[in-house]
Amino acid sequence: MNTMTLDAGHAAPAQPESLEKETVDSQTKVRETVGQPFCDDAKLRMRGVNVFYGEAQAIHEVSLDIGRNEVVAMIGPSGCGKSTFLRCLNRMNDTIDSCRVEGEVTLDDEPIYGPKVDVVPLRARVGMVFQKPNPFPKSIYDNVAYGPKIHGIASRRAELDDIVENSLRRAGLWNEVKERLDKPGTGLSGGQQQRLCIARAIAVSPEVILMDEPCSALDPIATARIEELIDELRENYTIAIVTHSMQQAARVSQRTAYFHLGHLVEVNDTETVFTNPQHELTEAYITGRFG
């Protein structure tokens, strides 16, 4: 895991007037993404992605690759479009009537948008872990077994037993819950519930895991466990994580993408983004001038 230290205070805070002007001018500053948005062995490719809520544009011409067995962290101020962009990657934005997505998103070079694409198997391949743990009002066992059942991955009890145990082990939860699999998942602690949700996501053998601020509601000890888990899961999965914590991005990711007002400003290896940012907006955010 990355262990670099962030220096968030070496620059003097900008005056409100200059900061306001910088925000107003930012769209002219973001002419093209700087850094390394593309990679040779991409699992997900996004090209010219625009997202609209009604007439309001939330994402502007974003192009980005996410590599196989890579963790990409998405950072930026609140409301900058990180979560909106993340939800494009498994078509969760389809659930919002006013939302429209333009551009191309491919998984293993196959487009995921189009009238003939079935979103149910797509979301099995591209799982999602949300900001707030959301276990089903079912037993721990049934939380994990639910996906394999509805996707037809397994139906026999012995097969389900193996999937449940393996998923809970990979989520680092088995030893804590193996004696109470029939108890409600909602009775677990917050950190355990989030790991249960991760076990539920990986039970259907996804290829990609999307995480939308998965630690924002957790205490530091639970957060550390989830971060360790992300590092372990990278051996088998491609992971994209949205986080407000620059320290967390530094610890868990190989590349970091900085978003500002719906624009992808900079993408680079994580150490470069935090120690030698190439765009002035990235530097302003990293050094605490806004955000």
Foldseek 3Di string as FASTA:
>chain_A
DFDDDFAQAPDDADDPVVVVVCQVCVVVQQPDADADQDDDAFQKWWFQKWKDQAPRTQAGGDTHGFHALFEEEEEEDPSLCPVVVLCVQLVPVVVPVRMDMDGFMDGVNHTCDDPPHDSLVSCLQEPEQEQFQDFDQFFLLCSQLVVCVVVVVDDDPVVSVVLSQVLCVLLVHCVVPVVPRRHTLVPDDRLNSSSSSSSSSCSSPHAEYEYENNPPPDDPVSVVSVLVSLQSCSVRHGYYYYHHDLSSSSSRGQKYWYGGSNYGHYIYGSVCLRPPNDGPVSVCVSNPNDD
